[in-house]
């Protein structure tokens, strides 16, 4: 009995000591809400909480990756340091120029004019457009998606074109997120197909215990980019996979993902290529990709440029440490004076973004939010729903895209001035853990083009009211609130 009592006393003392020390460790460089969530997990479930904290609490990349990211950022700033605002930049709104400067300082990419940008909202049409450009390639194709998966109807023809391009001597370089793609049905067959081809491919952020490559396992490279010969590029929300994500559960109920992609010609293509090159360099020290990219770079005189759209790219992710996308989103939302239209499948804002959106509504801005009626991720969807009452009370109109479809588009527009389209959700994961890409487009024409798609979402969505939401079952409220707590464990 005495030995048992001693052991019990030692365990209690160790547990108290762990709690005491973690109080001073966990809050370091974290939001108070995030720190509190981790501390609650450690206090109530000490062993599980500590293991989870060790695995998931560090959002930083390896020192090697951070050093490469900094070198790339500095090189871009040096190469473009002479560039001024484009000749056609005549915005009457000072806040637009301020947002441009913010992006420049955070992500290094300059604002450039003369772009031709097409918004594509049809899933199959975007894949077909990519395939056609691959078939025209003469020098290289750079293709990078968070998730990839082969199938005979949608992605198969794109892979056929990539293989044919590689066989005729085009440099085809492919990146996909390791864990994001690993979980897709048929991953082994997909990888075997790549091994048999002449495509040069790499998994992004791989976890390889044998090769001593370890990191926080839920860090993701969530970007979607394709560049052909430095002339044409695609980016947006869509992954390189069929619209049901090869999930039997989705096919059974007819669930498909609804997306928005941009087809780009002009100087913005080079910014997307630089981002791809940086990510390729993170996974492979081969410098040839940088040489190919520079060979394709030939600045055009304004009269030779394909369009008139002003655009600026903003990469973000844990390699920067400044939450670039969150800072841009907040800046633009606080600048709105008339209208905000926001589409985000996973809307789990931090306090700063929540205040920006509700404050906009409270000062008279028309704010409309488009979300899924039924999400594909249980905890994220319920965490998202926990914010609805606060948004509705502030005057935000919430439209729910009908189930079983997943509204996966990530975009928003501000007045008639700015549209933002990309891979970034409005959630804490996208701000802190994911490598994302956002395109800021200036001018009423691009705002109208993006809003035209969002108007289509509104037409088939159902709007929820505050009184309706207050009547939801108590159990649903409880689940929503618990899920909200887990969402802060970043």
Protein backbone atom coordinates (compact mmCIF):
# COMPACT_ATOMS: atom_id res chain seq x y z
CA UNK A 1 0.00 0.00 0.00
CA UNK A 2 2.81 2.38 0.88
CA UNK A 3 4.50 1.84 -2.54
CA UNK A 4 1.18 2.38 -4.28
CA UNK A 5 0.58 5.58 -2.34
CA UNK A 6 4.05 6.84 -3.19
CA UNK A 7 3.58 6.08 -6.89
CA UNK A 8 0.21 7.80 -6.85
CA UNK A 9 1.70 10.85 -5.15
CA UNK A 10 4.51 10.96 -7.70
CA UNK A 11 2.02 10.75 -10.60
CA UNK A 12 -0.09 13.54 -9.11
CA UNK A 13 3.01 15.68 -8.60
CA UNK A 14 4.18 15.07 -12.19
CA UNK A 15 0.75 15.89 -13.55
CA UNK A 16 0.58 19.12 -11.57
CA UNK A 17 4.11 20.02 -12.67
CA UNK A 18 3.22 19.40 -16.34
CA UNK A 19 0.16 21.62 -16.03
CA UNK A 20 2.16 24.32 -14.28
CA UNK A 21 4.90 24.40 -16.91
CA UNK A 22 2.53 24.15 -19.88
CA UNK A 23 0.67 27.25 -18.70
CA UNK A 24 3.86 29.17 -19.41
CA UNK A 25 4.74 27.32 -22.63
CA UNK A 26 1.51 26.95 -24.61
CA UNK A 27 0.54 30.65 -24.93
CA UNK A 28 3.85 31.56 -26.60
CA UNK A 29 3.18 33.22 -30.00
CA UNK A 30 -0.39 31.93 -30.08
CA UNK A 31 -3.80 33.56 -30.07
CA UNK A 32 -5.30 33.47 -26.54
CA UNK A 33 -8.24 31.38 -27.80
CA UNK A 34 -5.88 28.83 -29.35
CA UNK A 35 -3.72 28.68 -26.23
CA UNK A 36 -6.79 28.21 -24.03
CA UNK A 37 -8.06 25.35 -26.19
CA UNK A 38 -4.71 23.54 -25.96
CA UNK A 39 -4.53 24.09 -22.20
CA UNK A 40 -8.04 22.70 -21.74
CA UNK A 41 -7.08 19.61 -23.71
CA UNK A 42 -3.93 19.13 -21.61
CA UNK A 43 -5.75 19.76 -18.32
CA UNK A 44 -8.66 17.39 -18.96
CA UNK A 45 -6.76 14.71 -20.93
CA UNK A 46 -3.09 15.13 -19.94
CA UNK A 47 -1.60 12.21 -21.88
CA UNK A 48 -3.72 12.62 -25.00
CA UNK A 49 -3.39 16.40 -24.83
CA UNK A 50 0.40 16.31 -24.55
CA UNK A 51 0.77 13.84 -27.42
CA UNK A 52 -1.56 15.91 -29.60
CA UNK A 53 0.33 19.07 -28.65
CA UNK A 54 3.65 17.47 -29.60
CA UNK A 55 2.29 16.29 -32.95
CA UNK A 56 0.14 19.23 -34.00
CA UNK A 57 0.95 22.38 -32.04
CA UNK A 58 4.00 23.57 -33.98
CA UNK A 59 2.92 25.25 -37.24
CA UNK A 60 6.46 25.99 -38.34
CA UNK A 61 8.19 24.38 -41.27
CA UNK A 62 11.70 22.98 -41.02
CA UNK A 63 14.63 25.36 -40.84
CA UNK A 64 15.70 24.34 -44.35
CA UNK A 65 12.29 25.17 -45.79
CA UNK A 66 12.10 28.48 -43.94
CA UNK A 67 15.54 29.49 -45.21
CA UNK A 68 14.58 28.63 -48.79
CA UNK A 69 11.34 30.60 -48.49
CA UNK A 70 13.23 33.65 -47.23
CA UNK A 71 15.83 33.40 -50.01
CA UNK A 72 13.09 33.17 -52.62
CA UNK A 73 11.22 36.13 -51.11
CA UNK A 74 14.35 38.28 -51.03
CA UNK A 75 15.25 37.30 -54.61
CA UNK A 76 11.80 38.29 -55.89
CA UNK A 77 11.93 41.62 -54.08
CA UNK A 78 15.38 42.33 -55.52
CA UNK A 79 14.39 41.36 -59.06
CA UNK A 80 11.22 43.46 -59.02
CA UNK A 81 12.38 46.31 -56.79
CA UNK A 82 12.48 48.74 -59.70
CA UNK A 83 8.85 48.14 -60.65
CA UNK A 84 6.37 50.93 -59.99
CA UNK A 85 2.58 50.82 -60.07
CA UNK A 86 1.34 50.10 -63.61
CA UNK A 87 0.59 53.03 -65.89
CA UNK A 88 -3.12 52.25 -65.95
CA UNK A 89 -3.48 52.21 -62.16
CA UNK A 90 -5.76 55.19 -61.52
CA UNK A 91 -7.87 54.06 -58.60
CA UNK A 92 -9.61 56.88 -56.77
CA UNK A 93 -9.60 54.80 -53.59
CA UNK A 94 -6.51 55.13 -51.43
CA UNK A 95 -7.32 51.85 -49.68
CA UNK A 96 -6.79 49.92 -52.91
CA UNK A 97 -3.26 51.26 -53.25
CA UNK A 98 -2.72 50.49 -49.57
CA UNK A 99 -3.79 46.87 -50.13
CA UNK A 100 -1.43 46.62 -53.11
CA UNK A 101 1.45 47.83 -50.96
CA UNK A 102 0.54 45.38 -48.20
CA UNK A 103 0.62 42.47 -50.65
CA UNK A 104 3.94 43.67 -52.03
CA UNK A 105 5.57 43.78 -48.61
CA UNK A 106 4.14 40.46 -47.45
CA UNK A 107 4.29 38.29 -50.57
CA UNK A 108 6.87 40.16 -52.70
CA UNK A 109 4.77 39.99 -55.89
CA UNK A 110 4.14 43.28 -57.75
CA UNK A 111 0.84 44.53 -59.14
CA UNK A 112 0.92 44.22 -62.92
CA UNK A 113 -1.46 45.28 -65.67
CA UNK A 114 -2.22 43.95 -69.13
CA UNK A 115 -3.67 40.62 -68.00
CA UNK A 116 -6.48 38.71 -69.64
CA UNK A 117 -8.42 36.84 -66.93
CA UNK A 118 -11.33 34.49 -67.56
CA UNK A 119 -13.52 33.14 -64.76
CA UNK A 120 -14.46 29.46 -65.24
CA UNK A 121 -17.20 28.01 -63.03
CA UNK A 122 -17.88 24.78 -64.95
CA UNK A 123 -15.94 21.84 -63.49
CA UNK A 124 -15.48 19.87 -66.69
CA UNK A 125 -14.84 22.99 -68.78
CA UNK A 126 -11.88 24.01 -66.61
CA UNK A 127 -10.26 20.58 -66.98
CA UNK A 128 -10.85 20.64 -70.73
CA UNK A 129 -9.33 24.14 -70.97
CA UNK A 130 -6.24 22.91 -69.12
CA UNK A 131 -5.95 19.86 -71.36
CA UNK A 132 -6.09 22.00 -74.52
CA UNK A 133 -3.27 24.23 -73.29
CA UNK A 134 -1.14 21.21 -72.39
CA UNK A 135 -1.56 19.90 -75.93
CA UNK A 136 -0.12 23.20 -77.24
CA UNK A 137 2.92 23.16 -74.93
CA UNK A 138 6.34 23.35 -76.57
CA UNK A 139 8.70 24.05 -73.64
CA UNK A 140 7.24 23.14 -70.28
CA UNK A 141 4.18 22.48 -68.17
CA UNK A 142 4.23 23.19 -64.45
CA UNK A 143 1.29 21.65 -62.63
CA UNK A 144 0.62 21.75 -58.90
CA UNK A 145 -2.51 20.70 -57.04
CA UNK A 146 -3.31 19.88 -53.44
CA UNK A 147 -5.24 16.74 -54.42
CA UNK A 148 -4.86 14.60 -57.53
CA UNK A 149 -6.66 11.43 -58.54
CA UNK A 150 -6.95 9.53 -61.79
CA UNK A 151 -10.24 8.55 -63.42
CA UNK A 152 -11.15 7.74 -67.06
CA UNK A 153 -13.66 10.55 -67.59
CA UNK A 154 -12.39 13.77 -66.01
CA UNK A 155 -8.69 13.65 -65.08
CA UNK A 156 -7.61 10.76 -67.30
CA UNK A 157 -7.60 12.90 -70.48
CA UNK A 158 -5.52 15.57 -68.71
CA UNK A 159 -2.97 12.96 -67.61
CA UNK A 160 -2.95 11.56 -71.16
CA UNK A 161 -2.04 15.02 -72.46
CA UNK A 162 0.65 15.47 -69.82
CA UNK A 163 2.21 12.11 -70.71
CA UNK A 164 2.07 12.92 -74.43
CA UNK A 165 3.69 16.30 -73.80
CA UNK A 166 6.49 14.69 -71.79
CA UNK A 167 7.01 12.07 -74.52
CA UNK A 168 7.50 14.78 -77.16
CA UNK A 169 10.19 16.51 -75.10
CA UNK A 170 8.20 19.05 -73.09
CA UNK A 171 9.46 19.42 -69.51
CA UNK A 172 6.48 18.37 -67.39
CA UNK A 173 6.93 18.99 -63.68
CA UNK A 174 4.19 17.94 -61.27
CA UNK A 175 3.65 18.61 -57.58
CA UNK A 176 0.90 17.28 -55.33
CA UNK A 177 0.45 17.39 -51.57
CA UNK A 178 1.64 14.09 -50.14
CA UNK A 179 -1.00 13.44 -47.48
CA UNK A 180 -3.74 15.30 -49.36
CA UNK A 181 -3.38 12.95 -52.33
CA UNK A 182 -2.39 9.83 -50.38
CA UNK A 183 -5.90 9.50 -48.95
CA UNK A 184 -7.56 9.48 -52.40
CA UNK A 185 -8.86 6.13 -53.56
CA UNK A 186 -6.51 4.61 -56.15
CA UNK A 187 -3.43 6.52 -54.98
CA UNK A 188 -1.12 3.56 -55.59
CA UNK A 189 -2.33 3.15 -59.17
CA UNK A 190 -2.00 6.88 -59.73
CA UNK A 191 1.59 6.86 -58.48
CA UNK A 192 2.44 3.79 -60.59
CA UNK A 193 1.13 5.59 -63.65
CA UNK A 194 3.40 8.55 -62.94
CA UNK A 195 6.40 6.25 -62.41
CA UNK A 196 5.88 4.72 -65.86
CA UNK A 197 5.67 8.13 -67.54
CA UNK A 198 8.29 10.76 -68.41
CA UNK A 199 6.63 13.23 -66.05
CA UNK A 200 8.98 14.64 -63.42
CA UNK A 201 6.90 14.56 -60.24
CA UNK A 202 7.34 15.21 -56.53
CA UNK A 203 5.05 14.95 -53.47
CA UNK A 204 4.88 18.20 -51.53
CA UNK A 205 5.57 18.22 -47.78
CA UNK A 206 6.24 14.48 -47.69
CA UNK A 207 6.40 12.56 -44.44
CA UNK A 208 9.14 9.94 -44.65
CA UNK A 209 10.27 8.49 -41.35
CA UNK A 210 12.97 6.38 -43.02
CA UNK A 211 14.35 9.43 -44.79
CA UNK A 212 14.07 11.43 -41.56
CA UNK A 213 11.61 13.88 -43.06
CA UNK A 214 9.16 14.78 -40.32
CA UNK A 215 6.90 17.75 -39.74
CA UNK A 216 3.56 18.57 -38.22
CA UNK A 217 1.38 16.08 -40.14
CA UNK A 218 -1.50 18.42 -40.88
CA UNK A 219 0.52 21.13 -42.63
CA UNK A 220 -0.62 21.24 -46.25
CA UNK A 221 0.40 22.78 -49.56
CA UNK A 222 -3.12 23.70 -50.65
CA UNK A 223 -2.23 25.67 -53.80
CA UNK A 224 -3.65 24.98 -57.26
CA UNK A 225 -1.49 26.20 -60.17
CA UNK A 226 -0.85 25.20 -63.74
CA UNK A 227 1.48 27.13 -66.07
CA UNK A 228 2.15 26.32 -69.73
CA UNK A 229 5.25 27.77 -71.43
CA UNK A 230 5.04 30.87 -69.25
CA UNK A 231 2.18 32.06 -71.47
CA UNK A 232 -1.03 30.68 -69.95
CA UNK A 233 -1.87 29.75 -66.37
CA UNK A 234 -4.75 28.43 -64.29
CA UNK A 235 -5.43 28.87 -60.59
CA UNK A 236 -8.36 28.80 -58.20
CA UNK A 237 -10.15 26.36 -55.92
CA UNK A 238 -10.43 23.21 -58.02
CA UNK A 239 -8.27 20.13 -57.47
CA UNK A 240 -7.17 17.75 -60.19
CA UNK A 241 -9.76 15.09 -59.42
CA UNK A 242 -13.24 14.16 -60.57
CA UNK A 243 -16.05 16.24 -58.97
CA UNK A 244 -17.09 13.54 -56.48
CA UNK A 245 -13.52 13.19 -55.18
CA UNK A 246 -13.57 9.44 -55.89
CA UNK A 247 -15.65 8.88 -52.76
CA UNK A 248 -18.30 6.19 -52.86
CA UNK A 249 -20.31 8.09 -50.25
CA UNK A 250 -20.37 11.16 -52.52
CA UNK A 251 -21.33 9.21 -55.62
CA UNK A 252 -24.11 7.45 -53.72
CA UNK A 253 -25.89 10.71 -52.82
CA UNK A 254 -24.88 12.67 -55.93
CA UNK A 255 -22.49 14.99 -54.09
CA UNK A 256 -20.14 17.01 -56.29
CA UNK A 257 -17.77 19.89 -55.61
CA UNK A 258 -18.63 23.30 -57.10
CA UNK A 259 -15.55 25.34 -58.07
CA UNK A 260 -14.16 28.57 -59.52
CA UNK A 261 -10.99 28.72 -61.60
CA UNK A 262 -9.17 31.52 -63.40
CA UNK A 263 -7.55 31.20 -66.81
CA UNK A 264 -4.82 33.83 -67.07
CA UNK A 265 -2.65 35.35 -69.78
CA UNK A 266 -0.22 38.20 -69.20
CA UNK A 267 2.29 39.17 -66.50
CA UNK A 268 0.35 37.41 -63.74
CA UNK A 269 1.40 34.12 -65.34
CA UNK A 270 4.99 34.80 -64.33
CA UNK A 271 4.01 35.42 -60.71
CA UNK A 272 2.25 32.05 -60.66
CA UNK A 273 5.30 30.43 -62.26
CA UNK A 274 7.58 31.95 -59.62
CA UNK A 275 5.36 30.48 -56.91
CA UNK A 276 5.49 27.07 -58.53
CA UNK A 277 9.28 27.32 -58.89
CA UNK A 278 9.61 28.19 -55.21
CA UNK A 279 7.53 25.17 -54.21
CA UNK A 280 9.46 22.93 -56.59
CA UNK A 281 12.72 24.14 -55.10
CA UNK A 282 11.38 23.23 -51.65
CA UNK A 283 11.02 19.62 -52.77
CA UNK A 284 14.00 19.36 -55.14
CA UNK A 285 17.25 21.32 -55.34
CA UNK A 286 17.19 21.11 -59.15
CA UNK A 287 17.67 24.64 -60.54
CA UNK A 288 16.60 23.75 -64.08
CA UNK A 289 13.03 24.80 -63.38
CA UNK A 290 14.24 28.32 -62.63
CA UNK A 291 16.17 28.42 -65.90
CA UNK A 292 13.14 27.28 -67.92
CA UNK A 293 10.99 29.87 -66.22
CA UNK A 294 13.45 32.67 -66.99
CA UNK A 295 13.69 31.63 -70.62
CA UNK A 296 9.94 32.00 -70.98
CA UNK A 297 9.96 35.43 -69.33
CA UNK A 298 9.80 38.21 -71.90
CA UNK A 299 8.22 41.43 -70.63
CA UNK A 300 5.68 42.75 -73.11
CA UNK A 301 5.11 46.35 -74.01
CA UNK A 302 1.68 47.50 -72.88
CA UNK A 303 0.34 47.53 -76.43
CA UNK A 304 1.36 43.86 -76.79
CA UNK A 305 -0.20 42.59 -73.60
CA UNK A 306 -3.24 40.34 -73.97
CA UNK A 307 -5.68 42.25 -71.75
CA UNK A 308 -6.26 45.19 -69.46
CA UNK A 309 -6.82 43.62 -66.03
CA UNK A 310 -4.70 44.70 -63.09
CA UNK A 311 -3.79 41.72 -60.93
CA UNK A 312 -1.51 40.81 -58.05
CA UNK A 313 -0.65 37.44 -56.58
CA UNK A 314 -0.36 36.83 -52.85
CA UNK A 315 1.20 33.55 -51.68
CA UNK A 316 0.76 32.71 -48.01
CA UNK A 317 1.53 29.94 -45.56
CA UNK A 318 3.61 28.97 -42.52
CA UNK A 319 6.78 29.74 -44.47
CA UNK A 320 6.00 33.45 -44.14
CA UNK A 321 4.87 33.58 -40.52
CA UNK A 322 2.78 36.72 -41.12
CA UNK A 323 -0.60 35.21 -42.14
CA UNK A 324 -0.50 37.10 -45.42
CA UNK A 325 -3.97 36.11 -46.57
CA UNK A 326 -5.66 37.02 -43.28
CA UNK A 327 -4.04 40.46 -43.31
CA UNK A 328 -5.18 41.12 -46.87
CA UNK A 329 -8.72 39.88 -46.22
CA UNK A 330 -9.08 42.05 -43.10
CA UNK A 331 -7.67 45.11 -44.87
CA UNK A 332 -10.08 44.80 -47.78
CA UNK A 333 -13.12 44.02 -45.63
CA UNK A 334 -12.51 47.00 -43.36
CA UNK A 335 -12.22 49.16 -46.50
CA UNK A 336 -15.62 48.18 -47.93
CA UNK A 337 -18.19 50.95 -48.03
CA UNK A 338 -21.05 49.48 -50.06
CA UNK A 339 -21.02 45.73 -50.63
CA UNK A 340 -19.22 42.55 -49.64
CA UNK A 341 -19.97 39.18 -51.22
CA UNK A 342 -18.07 36.24 -49.74
CA UNK A 343 -17.98 32.56 -50.71
CA UNK A 344 -16.16 30.12 -48.47
CA UNK A 345 -16.88 26.41 -47.98
CA UNK A 346 -15.07 26.33 -44.65
CA UNK A 347 -15.85 29.55 -42.79
CA UNK A 348 -14.22 29.38 -39.36
CA UNK A 349 -12.84 32.90 -38.82
CA UNK A 350 -10.50 34.02 -36.10
CA UNK A 351 -11.61 36.96 -33.95
CA UNK A 352 -10.03 39.57 -36.20
CA UNK A 353 -11.84 38.39 -39.34
CA UNK A 354 -15.12 37.88 -37.49
CA UNK A 355 -14.95 41.45 -36.17
CA UNK A 356 -14.06 42.81 -39.62
CA UNK A 357 -17.09 41.17 -41.24
CA UNK A 358 -19.60 41.94 -38.49
CA UNK A 359 -18.32 45.51 -38.21
CA UNK A 360 -18.77 45.98 -41.96
CA UNK A 361 -22.40 44.87 -41.67
CA UNK A 362 -22.99 47.06 -38.61
CA UNK A 363 -21.72 50.17 -40.41
CA UNK A 364 -24.16 49.66 -43.27
CA UNK A 365 -22.24 47.59 -45.79
CA UNK A 366 -24.39 44.96 -47.54
CA UNK A 367 -22.65 41.71 -46.58
CA UNK A 368 -23.67 38.39 -48.12
CA UNK A 369 -22.04 35.07 -47.24
CA UNK A 370 -22.38 31.90 -49.34
CA UNK A 371 -21.73 28.60 -47.55
CA UNK A 372 -22.69 24.94 -47.79
CA UNK A 373 -25.98 23.71 -46.41
CA UNK A 374 -24.28 20.41 -45.64
CA UNK A 375 -20.49 20.26 -45.32
CA UNK A 376 -18.25 17.34 -46.22
CA UNK A 377 -16.22 17.71 -43.01
CA UNK A 378 -18.25 17.15 -39.85
CA UNK A 379 -16.27 19.16 -37.28
CA UNK A 380 -15.46 22.03 -39.62
CA UNK A 381 -19.08 22.35 -40.74
CA UNK A 382 -20.40 22.43 -37.18
CA UNK A 383 -17.67 24.86 -36.11
CA UNK A 384 -18.74 27.08 -39.00
CA UNK A 385 -22.38 26.97 -37.91
CA UNK A 386 -21.41 28.18 -34.43
CA UNK A 387 -20.71 31.62 -35.94
CA UNK A 388 -24.02 32.04 -37.76
CA UNK A 389 -25.97 33.64 -34.92
CA UNK A 390 -23.34 36.31 -34.33
CA UNK A 391 -23.17 37.03 -38.07
CA UNK A 392 -26.96 37.20 -38.44
CA UNK A 393 -27.31 39.48 -35.42
CA UNK A 394 -24.83 41.87 -37.03
CA UNK A 395 -26.86 41.96 -40.25
CA UNK A 396 -24.91 39.53 -42.45
CA UNK A 397 -27.11 37.65 -44.93
CA UNK A 398 -26.22 33.94 -45.07
CA UNK A 399 -27.10 31.83 -48.11
CA UNK A 400 -26.72 28.05 -47.90
CA UNK A 401 -25.92 26.22 -51.11
CA UNK A 402 -28.22 23.19 -51.34
CA UNK A 403 -27.10 19.74 -50.26
CA UNK A 404 -25.66 17.39 -51.26
CA UNK A 405 -23.38 19.67 -53.31
CA UNK A 406 -20.20 21.09 -51.76
CA UNK A 407 -19.70 24.77 -52.60
CA UNK A 408 -15.90 24.71 -52.71
CA UNK A 409 -15.29 28.12 -54.35
CA UNK A 410 -13.12 30.56 -52.41
CA UNK A 411 -13.67 34.18 -53.43
CA UNK A 412 -14.97 37.56 -52.31
CA UNK A 413 -15.62 40.99 -53.81
CA UNK A 414 -15.39 44.45 -52.27
CA UNK A 415 -17.63 47.20 -53.66
CA UNK A 416 -16.90 47.63 -57.39
CA UNK A 417 -13.16 47.79 -56.79
CA UNK A 418 -11.62 44.43 -55.86
CA UNK A 419 -12.19 40.72 -56.36
CA UNK A 420 -10.12 38.01 -54.66
CA UNK A 421 -10.08 34.45 -56.00
CA UNK A 422 -7.84 31.59 -54.97
CA UNK A 423 -7.31 28.50 -52.87
CA UNK A 424 -7.71 30.05 -49.41
CA UNK A 425 -10.72 29.39 -47.24
CA UNK A 426 -11.72 31.83 -44.53
CA UNK A 427 -10.68 29.61 -41.67
CA UNK A 428 -7.83 29.44 -39.20
CA UNK A 429 -6.27 26.46 -40.96
CA UNK A 430 -5.92 28.43 -44.21
CA UNK A 431 -4.41 31.38 -42.37
CA UNK A 432 -1.87 29.52 -40.22
CA UNK A 433 -1.23 26.00 -41.54
CA UNK A 434 -1.87 25.82 -45.29
CA UNK A 435 0.25 27.14 -48.12
CA UNK A 436 -2.28 29.10 -50.16
CA UNK A 437 -2.46 31.31 -53.22
CA UNK A 438 -4.78 34.31 -53.67
CA UNK A 439 -5.22 36.52 -56.73
CA UNK A 440 -6.33 40.12 -56.18
CA UNK A 441 -8.08 41.49 -59.27
CA UNK A 442 -8.84 45.20 -59.63
CA UNK A 443 -11.68 46.87 -61.48
CA UNK A 444 -15.42 46.65 -61.95
CA UNK A 445 -15.19 44.22 -64.87
CA UNK A 446 -13.54 41.53 -62.74
CA UNK A 447 -15.83 42.24 -59.79
CA UNK A 448 -18.84 41.81 -62.09
CA UNK A 449 -17.41 38.56 -63.52
CA UNK A 450 -16.91 37.04 -60.06
CA UNK A 451 -20.24 38.34 -58.78
CA UNK A 452 -22.02 36.86 -61.78
CA UNK A 453 -21.03 33.43 -60.48
CA UNK A 454 -21.93 34.30 -56.89
CA UNK A 455 -25.32 35.54 -58.13
CA UNK A 456 -25.88 32.06 -59.55
CA UNK A 457 -25.12 30.64 -56.13
CA UNK A 458 -27.70 32.97 -54.56
CA UNK A 459 -30.41 31.94 -57.01
CA UNK A 460 -30.34 28.31 -55.94
CA UNK A 461 -29.42 28.81 -52.28
CA UNK A 462 -31.74 29.20 -49.30
CA UNK A 463 -31.29 32.17 -46.98
CA UNK A 464 -31.47 31.56 -43.25
CA UNK A 465 -32.95 34.12 -40.89
CA UNK A 466 -32.03 34.94 -37.32
CA UNK A 467 -35.37 33.78 -35.93
CA UNK A 468 -35.08 30.52 -37.86
CA UNK A 469 -31.55 29.93 -36.61
CA UNK A 470 -32.48 30.60 -33.00
CA UNK A 471 -35.04 27.80 -33.18
CA UNK A 472 -32.56 25.11 -34.13
CA UNK A 473 -32.36 22.09 -31.78
CA UNK A 474 -30.33 22.45 -28.59
CA UNK A 475 -28.28 19.36 -29.40
CA UNK A 476 -27.18 20.95 -32.66
CA UNK A 477 -26.09 24.06 -30.77
CA UNK A 478 -24.08 21.89 -28.37
CA UNK A 479 -22.33 20.07 -31.23
CA UNK A 480 -21.63 23.37 -32.99
CA UNK A 481 -20.05 24.84 -29.86
CA UNK A 482 -17.88 21.79 -29.17
CA UNK A 483 -16.71 21.78 -32.79
CA UNK A 484 -15.88 25.47 -32.50
CA UNK A 485 -13.55 24.70 -29.62
CA UNK A 486 -11.68 22.05 -31.60
CA UNK A 487 -11.27 24.49 -34.51
CA UNK A 488 -9.01 26.70 -32.40
CA UNK A 489 -6.45 23.91 -31.82
CA UNK A 490 -4.02 25.34 -34.35
